């Protein structure tokens, strides 16, 4: 209520903090956005091919990532590592993944969301290949886990939806796409028991 705003103009700024282009008519934009009714109804969003290509690709990658994250420590224990070493790998890869996530955000901002999404998928694939060798190499376990955790789907997804549907129709599209992808995360956590 006091400091979280729905749109940047309500906070006296511009999307993405781009102060150079701050709008002098922020009040008018706030009014327009409050009155705007997206033509993308629920039915129309569900009929859009883009909804399904974005949703399914991010859904599948989120399922895989969450299966890994939720089962990482039990799998390391199965590979014969001690609990303390498994917990250390989990913690270190989580901390080191933060800069990796920031780098992915910079790539998204500078080179485009589609390119960042390709990097995201490649990072996941390399990460999963490396974690196969977790039983013989703790270094492979850490690097693989870091790559998987750095490729944060819930950071990249809003950017992708915004790129495709634009600022005005973002909310209408994200309520459907974001929900589908979040369900993937829940399924991934549920399926983790099968891998540990």
N, C-alpha and C. Protein backbone atom coordinates (compact mmCIF):
# COMPACT_ATOMS: atom_id res chain seq x y z
N UNK A 1 0.83 -1.20 0.00
CA UNK A 1 0.00 0.00 0.00
C UNK A 1 0.86 1.25 0.00
N UNK A 2 1.97 1.21 0.75
CA UNK A 2 2.77 2.41 0.92
C UNK A 2 3.87 2.56 -0.13
N UNK A 3 4.44 1.46 -0.59
CA UNK A 3 5.57 1.63 -1.50
C UNK A 3 5.56 0.71 -2.73
N UNK A 4 4.70 -0.31 -2.78
CA UNK A 4 4.66 -1.18 -3.94
C UNK A 4 3.58 -0.66 -4.89
N UNK A 5 3.99 -0.39 -6.13
CA UNK A 5 3.09 0.18 -7.12
C UNK A 5 2.81 -0.84 -8.21
N UNK A 6 1.68 -0.67 -8.91
CA UNK A 6 1.32 -1.57 -9.99
C UNK A 6 2.12 -1.30 -11.26
N UNK A 7 2.35 -0.02 -11.54
CA UNK A 7 3.09 0.35 -12.74
C UNK A 7 4.11 1.41 -12.37
N UNK A 8 5.21 1.50 -13.12
CA UNK A 8 6.27 2.44 -12.77
C UNK A 8 5.81 3.89 -12.66
N UNK A 9 4.90 4.30 -13.52
CA UNK A 9 4.45 5.70 -13.49
C UNK A 9 3.82 6.07 -12.15
N UNK A 10 3.19 5.09 -11.48
CA UNK A 10 2.61 5.38 -10.17
C UNK A 10 3.68 5.73 -9.15
N UNK A 11 4.91 5.28 -9.41
CA UNK A 11 6.03 5.59 -8.52
C UNK A 11 6.85 6.76 -9.05
N UNK A 12 6.34 7.41 -10.10
CA UNK A 12 7.03 8.57 -10.66
C UNK A 12 8.25 8.18 -11.50
N UNK A 13 8.23 6.99 -12.06
CA UNK A 13 9.36 6.56 -12.89
C UNK A 13 8.85 5.97 -14.19
N UNK A 14 9.71 5.25 -14.89
CA UNK A 14 9.40 4.73 -16.22
C UNK A 14 9.75 3.24 -16.23
N UNK A 15 9.14 2.43 -17.09
CA UNK A 15 9.47 0.99 -17.11
C UNK A 15 10.96 0.74 -17.19
N UNK A 16 11.43 -0.26 -16.45
CA UNK A 16 12.83 -0.67 -16.40
C UNK A 16 13.73 0.40 -15.81
N UNK A 17 13.16 1.36 -15.08
CA UNK A 17 13.96 2.38 -14.41
C UNK A 17 14.68 3.30 -15.37
N UNK A 18 14.20 3.42 -16.59
CA UNK A 18 14.86 4.23 -17.61
C UNK A 18 14.50 5.70 -17.39
N UNK A 19 15.22 6.33 -16.48
CA UNK A 19 14.90 7.71 -16.09
C UNK A 19 15.08 8.70 -17.22
N UNK A 20 15.97 8.39 -18.18
CA UNK A 20 16.21 9.32 -19.29
C UNK A 20 14.93 9.57 -20.08
N UNK A 21 14.09 8.55 -20.14
CA UNK A 21 12.86 8.67 -20.93
C UNK A 21 11.62 8.78 -20.05
N UNK A 22 11.83 9.18 -18.81
CA UNK A 22 10.70 9.30 -17.88
C UNK A 22 9.63 10.18 -18.50
N UNK A 23 8.43 9.70 -18.42
CA UNK A 23 7.34 10.40 -19.08
C UNK A 23 6.89 11.60 -18.29
N UNK A 24 6.70 12.71 -18.99
CA UNK A 24 6.20 13.92 -18.32
C UNK A 24 4.69 13.80 -18.10
N UNK A 25 4.06 12.89 -18.81
CA UNK A 25 2.61 12.71 -18.64
C UNK A 25 2.30 11.41 -17.90
N UNK A 26 3.02 11.16 -16.82
CA UNK A 26 2.86 9.93 -16.05
C UNK A 26 1.43 9.76 -15.55
N UNK A 27 0.81 10.85 -15.10
CA UNK A 27 -0.55 10.76 -14.57
C UNK A 27 -1.52 10.27 -15.64
N UNK A 28 -1.33 10.74 -16.87
CA UNK A 28 -2.21 10.31 -17.97
C UNK A 28 -2.02 8.83 -18.27
N UNK A 29 -0.77 8.35 -18.20
CA UNK A 29 -0.50 6.93 -18.45
C UNK A 29 -1.12 6.07 -17.35
N UNK A 30 -0.99 6.52 -16.10
CA UNK A 30 -1.60 5.79 -14.99
C UNK A 30 -3.10 5.66 -15.22
N UNK A 31 -3.74 6.76 -15.61
CA UNK A 31 -5.19 6.76 -15.87
C UNK A 31 -5.53 5.81 -17.03
N UNK A 32 -4.74 5.89 -18.11
CA UNK A 32 -4.98 5.02 -19.27
C UNK A 32 -4.87 3.54 -18.89
N UNK A 33 -3.84 3.21 -18.12
CA UNK A 33 -3.64 1.80 -17.77
C UNK A 33 -4.74 1.30 -16.84
N UNK A 34 -5.24 2.15 -15.97
CA UNK A 34 -6.34 1.72 -15.10
C UNK A 34 -7.62 1.50 -15.88
N UNK A 35 -7.81 2.26 -16.93
CA UNK A 35 -9.03 2.16 -17.73
C UNK A 35 -8.92 1.14 -18.86
N UNK A 36 -7.69 0.74 -19.18
CA UNK A 36 -7.46 -0.14 -20.32
C UNK A 36 -8.07 -1.52 -20.09
N UNK A 37 -8.77 -2.01 -21.07
CA UNK A 37 -9.33 -3.36 -21.04
C UNK A 37 -8.71 -4.13 -22.20
N UNK A 38 -7.91 -5.12 -21.87
CA UNK A 38 -7.19 -5.87 -22.89
C UNK A 38 -8.17 -6.65 -23.78
N UNK A 39 -7.91 -6.67 -25.08
CA UNK A 39 -8.73 -7.49 -25.97
C UNK A 39 -8.45 -8.99 -25.78
N UNK A 40 -7.37 -9.29 -25.03
CA UNK A 40 -7.01 -10.67 -24.79
C UNK A 40 -7.81 -11.21 -23.61
N UNK A 41 -9.01 -11.68 -23.92
CA UNK A 41 -9.82 -12.34 -22.90
C UNK A 41 -9.20 -13.70 -22.60
N UNK A 42 -9.70 -14.35 -21.57
CA UNK A 42 -9.19 -15.68 -21.23
C UNK A 42 -9.32 -16.63 -22.42
N UNK A 43 -10.48 -16.60 -23.07
CA UNK A 43 -10.71 -17.48 -24.22
C UNK A 43 -9.74 -17.19 -25.35
N UNK A 44 -9.49 -15.89 -25.61
CA UNK A 44 -8.58 -15.52 -26.70
C UNK A 44 -7.14 -15.90 -26.36
N UNK A 45 -6.74 -15.71 -25.13
CA UNK A 45 -5.39 -16.10 -24.72
C UNK A 45 -5.21 -17.61 -24.89
N UNK A 46 -6.21 -18.38 -24.51
CA UNK A 46 -6.11 -19.85 -24.62
C UNK A 46 -6.07 -20.31 -26.07
N UNK A 47 -6.58 -19.50 -27.00
CA UNK A 47 -6.56 -19.85 -28.42
C UNK A 47 -5.27 -19.42 -29.12
N UNK A 48 -4.49 -18.58 -28.47
CA UNK A 48 -3.25 -18.06 -29.05
C UNK A 48 -2.18 -19.15 -29.10
N UNK A 49 -1.60 -19.44 -30.27
CA UNK A 49 -0.51 -20.43 -30.33
C UNK A 49 0.68 -20.02 -29.46
N UNK A 50 0.96 -18.72 -29.38
CA UNK A 50 2.09 -18.24 -28.56
C UNK A 50 1.92 -18.60 -27.09
N UNK A 51 0.69 -18.57 -26.63
CA UNK A 51 0.43 -18.94 -25.23
C UNK A 51 0.95 -20.34 -24.97
N UNK A 52 0.68 -21.24 -25.88
CA UNK A 52 1.03 -22.64 -25.67
C UNK A 52 2.51 -22.93 -25.94
N UNK A 53 3.10 -22.27 -26.94
CA UNK A 53 4.53 -22.51 -27.17
C UNK A 53 5.36 -21.97 -26.00
N UNK A 54 5.01 -20.79 -25.51
CA UNK A 54 5.73 -20.23 -24.36
C UNK A 54 5.47 -21.09 -23.12
N UNK A 55 4.20 -21.38 -22.87
CA UNK A 55 3.83 -22.13 -21.66
C UNK A 55 4.47 -23.50 -21.62
N UNK A 56 4.38 -24.25 -22.71
CA UNK A 56 4.87 -25.62 -22.71
C UNK A 56 6.39 -25.66 -22.59
N UNK A 57 7.09 -24.79 -23.31
CA UNK A 57 8.55 -24.82 -23.25
C UNK A 57 9.05 -24.45 -21.85
N UNK A 58 8.48 -23.41 -21.25
CA UNK A 58 8.90 -23.03 -19.91
C UNK A 58 8.39 -24.02 -18.86
N UNK A 59 7.21 -24.57 -19.09
CA UNK A 59 6.64 -25.58 -18.19
C UNK A 59 7.59 -26.78 -18.08
N UNK A 60 8.01 -27.31 -19.22
CA UNK A 60 8.86 -28.50 -19.23
C UNK A 60 10.22 -28.22 -18.57
N UNK A 61 10.80 -27.07 -18.88
CA UNK A 61 12.09 -26.76 -18.27
C UNK A 61 11.95 -26.54 -16.77
N UNK A 62 10.83 -25.96 -16.34
CA UNK A 62 10.62 -25.73 -14.91
C UNK A 62 10.38 -27.06 -14.18
N UNK A 63 9.65 -27.97 -14.81
CA UNK A 63 9.46 -29.30 -14.22
C UNK A 63 10.82 -29.95 -13.98
N UNK A 64 11.67 -29.93 -15.02
CA UNK A 64 12.99 -30.56 -14.91
C UNK A 64 13.84 -29.90 -13.83
N UNK A 65 13.87 -28.57 -13.82
CA UNK A 65 14.69 -27.86 -12.84
C UNK A 65 14.21 -28.13 -11.42
N UNK A 66 12.90 -28.13 -11.21
CA UNK A 66 12.38 -28.34 -9.85
C UNK A 66 12.55 -29.79 -9.39
N UNK A 67 12.46 -30.74 -10.32
CA UNK A 67 12.76 -32.13 -9.94
C UNK A 67 14.19 -32.20 -9.42
N UNK A 68 15.11 -31.56 -10.16
CA UNK A 68 16.51 -31.59 -9.75
C UNK A 68 16.71 -30.91 -8.40
N UNK A 69 16.20 -29.69 -8.26
CA UNK A 69 16.44 -28.93 -7.02
C UNK A 69 15.86 -29.66 -5.81
N UNK A 70 14.64 -30.19 -5.96
CA UNK A 70 13.99 -30.86 -4.83
C UNK A 70 14.65 -32.19 -4.47
N UNK A 71 15.33 -32.81 -5.43
CA UNK A 71 15.94 -34.12 -5.16
C UNK A 71 17.46 -34.07 -5.10
N UNK A 72 18.04 -32.88 -5.16
CA UNK A 72 19.50 -32.76 -5.24
C UNK A 72 20.21 -33.41 -4.05
N UNK A 73 19.81 -33.09 -2.85
CA UNK A 73 20.49 -33.65 -1.67
C UNK A 73 20.28 -35.16 -1.58
N UNK A 74 19.05 -35.69 -1.70
CA UNK A 74 18.91 -37.16 -1.66
C UNK A 74 19.72 -37.88 -2.74
N UNK A 75 19.79 -37.31 -3.93
CA UNK A 75 20.56 -37.95 -5.01
C UNK A 75 22.05 -37.96 -4.67
N UNK A 76 22.55 -36.86 -4.12
CA UNK A 76 23.96 -36.83 -3.72
C UNK A 76 24.24 -37.86 -2.62
N UNK A 77 23.27 -38.06 -1.72
CA UNK A 77 23.42 -39.09 -0.69
C UNK A 77 23.46 -40.48 -1.32
N UNK A 78 22.61 -40.70 -2.31
CA UNK A 78 22.60 -41.99 -3.02
C UNK A 78 23.93 -42.23 -3.72
N UNK A 79 24.53 -41.15 -4.25
CA UNK A 79 25.84 -41.27 -4.90
C UNK A 79 26.96 -41.55 -3.91
N UNK A 80 26.65 -41.50 -2.61
CA UNK A 80 27.65 -41.84 -1.61
C UNK A 80 28.30 -40.67 -0.90
N UNK A 81 27.84 -39.46 -1.19
CA UNK A 81 28.38 -38.29 -0.50
C UNK A 81 27.76 -38.19 0.89
N UNK A 82 28.48 -37.60 1.81
CA UNK A 82 27.95 -37.40 3.16
C UNK A 82 26.86 -36.32 3.12
N UNK A 83 26.04 -36.31 4.18
CA UNK A 83 24.98 -35.31 4.24
C UNK A 83 25.56 -33.90 4.27
N UNK A 84 26.64 -33.71 5.02
CA UNK A 84 27.23 -32.37 5.11
C UNK A 84 27.78 -31.92 3.76
N UNK A 85 28.39 -32.84 3.01
CA UNK A 85 28.91 -32.49 1.68
C UNK A 85 27.75 -32.18 0.72
N UNK A 86 26.68 -32.97 0.79
CA UNK A 86 25.51 -32.73 -0.07
C UNK A 86 24.88 -31.37 0.25
N UNK A 87 24.77 -31.06 1.53
CA UNK A 87 24.21 -29.77 1.93
C UNK A 87 25.11 -28.62 1.48
N UNK A 88 26.43 -28.84 1.54
CA UNK A 88 27.38 -27.82 1.09
C UNK A 88 27.24 -27.57 -0.41
N UNK A 89 27.12 -28.64 -1.21
CA UNK A 89 26.93 -28.50 -2.66
C UNK A 89 25.65 -27.73 -2.93
N UNK A 90 24.59 -28.07 -2.21
CA UNK A 90 23.30 -27.39 -2.39
C UNK A 90 23.43 -25.90 -2.09
N UNK A 91 24.07 -25.58 -0.98
CA UNK A 91 24.20 -24.18 -0.56
C UNK A 91 25.12 -23.40 -1.49
N UNK A 92 26.28 -23.96 -1.80
CA UNK A 92 27.25 -23.25 -2.65
C UNK A 92 26.66 -22.99 -4.03
N UNK A 93 26.04 -24.01 -4.61
CA UNK A 93 25.46 -23.83 -5.95
C UNK A 93 24.33 -22.80 -5.92
N UNK A 94 23.58 -22.75 -4.83
CA UNK A 94 22.52 -21.75 -4.71
C UNK A 94 23.07 -20.34 -4.64
N UNK A 95 24.13 -20.16 -3.85
CA UNK A 95 24.72 -18.82 -3.70
C UNK A 95 25.41 -18.39 -4.98
N UNK A 96 26.17 -19.29 -5.59
CA UNK A 96 26.91 -18.95 -6.82
C UNK A 96 25.95 -18.73 -7.99
N UNK A 97 24.75 -19.30 -7.91
CA UNK A 97 23.79 -19.14 -9.01
C UNK A 97 23.20 -17.73 -9.07
N UNK A 98 23.30 -16.97 -7.99
CA UNK A 98 22.73 -15.61 -8.00
C UNK A 98 23.41 -14.73 -9.05
N UNK A 99 24.76 -14.66 -9.07
CA UNK A 99 25.39 -13.89 -10.15
C UNK A 99 25.05 -14.45 -11.54
N UNK A 100 24.92 -15.78 -11.64
CA UNK A 100 24.54 -16.38 -12.92
C UNK A 100 23.18 -15.91 -13.38
N UNK A 101 22.27 -15.78 -12.45
CA UNK A 101 20.93 -15.29 -12.78
C UNK A 101 20.99 -13.83 -13.22
N UNK A 102 21.84 -13.05 -12.57
CA UNK A 102 22.01 -11.64 -12.94
C UNK A 102 22.58 -11.55 -14.35
N UNK A 103 23.58 -12.40 -14.65
CA UNK A 103 24.17 -12.40 -15.99
C UNK A 103 23.11 -12.73 -17.04
N UNK A 104 22.24 -13.70 -16.75
CA UNK A 104 21.16 -14.04 -17.68
C UNK A 104 20.24 -12.84 -17.87
N UNK A 105 19.99 -12.08 -16.81
CA UNK A 105 19.18 -10.88 -16.92
C UNK A 105 19.83 -9.82 -17.79
N UNK A 106 21.13 -9.68 -17.67
CA UNK A 106 21.87 -8.72 -18.51
C UNK A 106 21.80 -9.15 -19.97
N UNK A 107 21.97 -10.44 -20.22
CA UNK A 107 21.87 -10.95 -21.59
C UNK A 107 20.47 -10.66 -22.14
N UNK A 108 19.46 -10.89 -21.32
CA UNK A 108 18.08 -10.61 -21.71
C UNK A 108 17.92 -9.13 -22.08
N UNK A 109 18.43 -8.26 -21.25
CA UNK A 109 18.29 -6.81 -21.46
C UNK A 109 19.08 -6.33 -22.68
N UNK A 110 20.30 -6.85 -22.84
CA UNK A 110 21.19 -6.33 -23.88
C UNK A 110 21.04 -7.03 -25.24
N UNK A 111 20.79 -8.33 -25.22
CA UNK A 111 20.78 -9.10 -26.47
C UNK A 111 19.40 -9.65 -26.83
N UNK A 112 18.44 -9.47 -25.95
CA UNK A 112 17.08 -9.88 -26.26
C UNK A 112 16.63 -11.13 -25.52
N UNK A 113 15.34 -11.20 -25.30
CA UNK A 113 14.75 -12.28 -24.52
C UNK A 113 14.86 -13.62 -25.23
N UNK A 114 14.70 -13.62 -26.54
CA UNK A 114 14.78 -14.88 -27.28
C UNK A 114 16.19 -15.48 -27.16
N UNK A 115 17.21 -14.63 -27.31
CA UNK A 115 18.59 -15.11 -27.18
C UNK A 115 18.85 -15.59 -25.76
N UNK A 116 18.38 -14.84 -24.76
CA UNK A 116 18.56 -15.24 -23.37
C UNK A 116 17.87 -16.58 -23.09
N UNK A 117 16.74 -16.81 -23.72
CA UNK A 117 16.02 -18.07 -23.54
C UNK A 117 16.82 -19.24 -24.11
N UNK A 118 17.50 -19.00 -25.22
CA UNK A 118 18.35 -20.05 -25.81
C UNK A 118 19.52 -20.35 -24.86
N UNK A 119 20.11 -19.30 -24.30
CA UNK A 119 21.20 -19.49 -23.34
C UNK A 119 20.69 -20.28 -22.12
N UNK A 120 19.48 -19.94 -21.70
CA UNK A 120 18.85 -20.62 -20.56
C UNK A 120 18.73 -22.12 -20.81
N UNK A 121 18.25 -22.50 -22.00
CA UNK A 121 18.08 -23.92 -22.33
C UNK A 121 19.44 -24.62 -22.41
N UNK A 122 20.42 -23.95 -23.03
CA UNK A 122 21.76 -24.54 -23.13
C UNK A 122 22.36 -24.74 -21.73
N UNK A 123 22.18 -23.75 -20.85
CA UNK A 123 22.69 -23.86 -19.47
C UNK A 123 22.05 -25.04 -18.76
N UNK A 124 20.75 -25.22 -18.95
CA UNK A 124 20.06 -26.37 -18.34
C UNK A 124 20.63 -27.69 -18.84
N UNK A 125 20.80 -27.80 -20.15
CA UNK A 125 21.29 -29.05 -20.74
C UNK A 125 22.69 -29.37 -20.22
N UNK A 126 23.58 -28.37 -20.26
CA UNK A 126 24.95 -28.59 -19.77
C UNK A 126 24.92 -28.94 -18.28
N UNK A 127 24.08 -28.22 -17.53
CA UNK A 127 23.96 -28.50 -16.10
C UNK A 127 23.52 -29.93 -15.83
N UNK A 128 22.53 -30.41 -16.57
CA UNK A 128 22.05 -31.78 -16.36
C UNK A 128 23.10 -32.82 -16.78
N UNK A 129 23.85 -32.52 -17.83
CA UNK A 129 24.93 -33.44 -18.23
C UNK A 129 25.97 -33.53 -17.11
N UNK A 130 26.34 -32.38 -16.55
CA UNK A 130 27.36 -32.37 -15.49
C UNK A 130 26.89 -33.10 -14.23
N UNK A 131 25.62 -32.93 -13.85
CA UNK A 131 25.18 -33.57 -12.61
C UNK A 131 25.12 -35.10 -12.73
N UNK A 132 25.14 -35.60 -13.95
CA UNK A 132 25.21 -37.06 -14.13
C UNK A 132 26.50 -37.60 -13.48
N UNK A 133 27.54 -36.74 -13.48
CA UNK A 133 28.83 -37.16 -12.94
C UNK A 133 29.02 -36.76 -11.48
N UNK A 134 27.93 -36.43 -10.80
CA UNK A 134 28.01 -36.01 -9.39
C UNK A 134 28.59 -37.08 -8.49
N UNK A 135 28.42 -38.33 -8.85
CA UNK A 135 28.93 -39.41 -8.02
C UNK A 135 30.44 -39.52 -8.02
N UNK A 136 31.06 -39.08 -9.12
CA UNK A 136 32.52 -39.18 -9.21
C UNK A 136 33.23 -37.85 -9.05
N UNK A 137 32.50 -36.75 -9.19
CA UNK A 137 33.14 -35.44 -9.10
C UNK A 137 32.23 -34.43 -8.39
N UNK A 138 32.68 -33.97 -7.24
CA UNK A 138 31.92 -32.97 -6.51
C UNK A 138 31.95 -31.64 -7.25
N UNK A 139 33.03 -31.41 -8.02
CA UNK A 139 33.14 -30.18 -8.83
C UNK A 139 32.06 -30.19 -9.92
N UNK A 140 31.88 -31.33 -10.58
CA UNK A 140 30.82 -31.45 -11.60
C UNK A 140 29.46 -31.22 -10.95
N UNK A 141 29.27 -31.73 -9.74
CA UNK A 141 28.00 -31.54 -9.03
C UNK A 141 27.74 -30.06 -8.77
N UNK A 142 28.77 -29.35 -8.32
CA UNK A 142 28.60 -27.92 -8.01
C UNK A 142 28.36 -27.10 -9.27
N UNK A 143 29.18 -27.33 -10.31
CA UNK A 143 29.04 -26.54 -11.55
C UNK A 143 27.70 -26.84 -12.21
N UNK A 144 27.33 -28.12 -12.29
CA UNK A 144 26.06 -28.49 -12.89
C UNK A 144 24.88 -27.89 -12.15
N UNK A 145 24.90 -28.01 -10.83
CA UNK A 145 23.81 -27.45 -10.03
C UNK A 145 23.75 -25.93 -10.16
N UNK A 146 24.91 -25.29 -10.23
CA UNK A 146 24.94 -23.83 -10.38
C UNK A 146 24.32 -23.42 -11.70
N UNK A 147 24.63 -24.14 -12.78
CA UNK A 147 24.05 -23.81 -14.08
C UNK A 147 22.53 -23.99 -14.07
N UNK A 148 22.07 -25.07 -13.47
CA UNK A 148 20.62 -25.32 -13.42
C UNK A 148 19.92 -24.25 -12.59
N UNK A 149 20.50 -23.90 -11.47
CA UNK A 149 19.87 -22.90 -10.59
C UNK A 149 20.01 -21.48 -11.14
N UNK A 150 21.06 -21.23 -11.94
CA UNK A 150 21.23 -19.89 -12.53
C UNK A 150 20.17 -19.63 -13.58
N UNK A 151 19.74 -20.67 -14.26
CA UNK A 151 18.76 -20.53 -15.33
C UNK A 151 17.37 -20.46 -14.71
N UNK A 152 17.06 -19.33 -14.13
CA UNK A 152 15.81 -19.18 -13.38
C UNK A 152 14.65 -18.82 -14.29
N UNK A 153 13.80 -19.79 -14.49
CA UNK A 153 12.68 -19.61 -15.42
C UNK A 153 11.76 -18.48 -14.98
N UNK A 154 11.56 -18.31 -13.69
CA UNK A 154 10.60 -17.30 -13.25
C UNK A 154 11.17 -15.89 -13.33
N UNK A 155 12.46 -15.75 -13.64
CA UNK A 155 13.00 -14.43 -13.97
C UNK A 155 12.82 -14.14 -15.45
N UNK A 156 13.01 -15.15 -16.28
CA UNK A 156 12.97 -14.97 -17.72
C UNK A 156 11.55 -14.97 -18.28
N UNK A 157 10.66 -15.72 -17.68
CA UNK A 157 9.30 -15.84 -18.19
C UNK A 157 8.56 -14.50 -18.29
N UNK A 158 8.57 -13.67 -17.24
CA UNK A 158 7.87 -12.38 -17.38
C UNK A 158 8.41 -11.53 -18.52
N UNK A 159 9.72 -11.58 -18.72
CA UNK A 159 10.32 -10.83 -19.81
C UNK A 159 9.85 -11.36 -21.16
N UNK A 160 9.77 -12.67 -21.29
CA UNK A 160 9.33 -13.28 -22.55
C UNK A 160 7.87 -12.91 -22.84
N UNK A 161 7.04 -13.01 -21.83
CA UNK A 161 5.62 -12.67 -22.01
C UNK A 161 5.48 -11.19 -22.37
N UNK A 162 6.24 -10.33 -21.69
CA UNK A 162 6.20 -8.91 -21.98
C UNK A 162 6.67 -8.59 -23.39
N UNK A 163 7.68 -9.32 -23.85
CA UNK A 163 8.20 -9.12 -25.21
C UNK A 163 7.15 -9.51 -26.24
N UNK A 164 6.44 -10.60 -25.98
CA UNK A 164 5.46 -11.10 -26.94
C UNK A 164 4.15 -10.31 -26.91
N UNK A 165 3.65 -10.01 -25.72
CA UNK A 165 2.32 -9.42 -25.61
C UNK A 165 2.34 -7.91 -25.33
N UNK A 166 3.50 -7.39 -24.99
CA UNK A 166 3.60 -5.95 -24.74
C UNK A 166 3.11 -5.56 -23.35
N UNK A 167 3.40 -4.34 -23.02
CA UNK A 167 3.10 -3.85 -21.68
C UNK A 167 1.61 -3.82 -21.38
N UNK A 168 0.81 -3.46 -22.35
CA UNK A 168 -0.61 -3.26 -22.10
C UNK A 168 -1.36 -4.57 -21.93
N UNK A 169 -0.93 -5.60 -22.63
CA UNK A 169 -1.63 -6.89 -22.57
C UNK A 169 -0.88 -7.94 -21.75
N UNK A 170 0.20 -7.51 -21.11
CA UNK A 170 1.03 -8.40 -20.31
C UNK A 170 0.21 -9.11 -19.24
N UNK A 171 -0.56 -8.38 -18.47
CA UNK A 171 -1.31 -8.96 -17.35
C UNK A 171 -2.28 -10.03 -17.82
N UNK A 172 -2.96 -9.75 -18.92
CA UNK A 172 -3.93 -10.72 -19.45
C UNK A 172 -3.25 -12.02 -19.85
N UNK A 173 -2.07 -11.90 -20.48
CA UNK A 173 -1.36 -13.10 -20.94
C UNK A 173 -0.66 -13.81 -19.78
N UNK A 174 -0.04 -13.05 -18.88
CA UNK A 174 0.76 -13.67 -17.83
C UNK A 174 -0.10 -14.43 -16.82
N UNK A 175 -1.32 -13.99 -16.61
CA UNK A 175 -2.16 -14.72 -15.64
C UNK A 175 -2.40 -16.15 -16.10
N UNK A 176 -2.39 -16.39 -17.41
CA UNK A 176 -2.57 -17.75 -17.93
C UNK A 176 -1.23 -18.47 -18.04
N UNK A 177 -0.27 -17.83 -18.71
CA UNK A 177 1.03 -18.47 -18.95
C UNK A 177 1.77 -18.70 -17.63
N UNK A 178 1.79 -17.69 -16.78
CA UNK A 178 2.46 -17.83 -15.48
C UNK A 178 1.86 -18.94 -14.64
N UNK A 179 0.55 -19.07 -14.68
CA UNK A 179 -0.13 -20.13 -13.92
C UNK A 179 0.27 -21.51 -14.43
N UNK A 180 0.27 -21.67 -15.75
CA UNK A 180 0.64 -22.96 -16.34
C UNK A 180 2.06 -23.34 -15.94
N UNK A 181 2.98 -22.38 -16.04
CA UNK A 181 4.38 -22.65 -15.72
C UNK A 181 4.56 -22.94 -14.22
N UNK A 182 3.86 -22.21 -13.37
CA UNK A 182 3.94 -22.47 -11.93
C UNK A 182 3.43 -23.86 -11.59
N UNK A 183 2.41 -24.31 -12.29
CA UNK A 183 1.92 -25.68 -12.09
C UNK A 183 3.04 -26.67 -12.42
N UNK A 184 3.84 -26.35 -13.45
CA UNK A 184 4.99 -27.19 -13.79
C UNK A 184 5.98 -27.29 -12.64
N UNK A 185 6.22 -26.17 -11.96
CA UNK A 185 7.11 -26.19 -10.81
C UNK A 185 6.58 -27.10 -9.71
N UNK A 186 5.27 -27.03 -9.47
CA UNK A 186 4.65 -27.89 -8.45
C UNK A 186 4.74 -29.35 -8.83
N UNK A 187 4.51 -29.64 -10.11
CA UNK A 187 4.62 -31.03 -10.58
C UNK A 187 6.05 -31.53 -10.43
N UNK A 188 7.01 -30.66 -10.74
CA UNK A 188 8.41 -31.04 -10.61
C UNK A 188 8.77 -31.42 -9.18
N UNK A 189 8.30 -30.63 -8.23
CA UNK A 189 8.57 -30.94 -6.82
C UNK A 189 7.90 -32.26 -6.44
N UNK A 190 6.67 -32.46 -6.91
CA UNK A 190 5.95 -33.71 -6.62
C UNK A 190 6.65 -34.92 -7.21
N UNK A 191 7.20 -34.76 -8.41
CA UNK A 191 7.86 -35.89 -9.08
C UNK A 191 9.25 -36.18 -8.52
N UNK A 192 9.78 -35.27 -7.72
CA UNK A 192 11.15 -35.44 -7.23
C UNK A 192 11.32 -36.74 -6.43
N UNK A 193 10.26 -37.20 -5.81
CA UNK A 193 10.34 -38.45 -5.03
C UNK A 193 10.72 -39.63 -5.91
N UNK A 194 10.35 -39.58 -7.18
CA UNK A 194 10.67 -40.68 -8.09
C UNK A 194 12.15 -40.73 -8.43
N UNK A 195 12.88 -39.62 -8.19
CA UNK A 195 14.29 -39.55 -8.56
C UNK A 195 15.21 -39.60 -7.35
N UNK A 196 14.64 -39.81 -6.18
CA UNK A 196 15.49 -39.84 -4.98
C UNK A 196 15.22 -41.09 -4.15
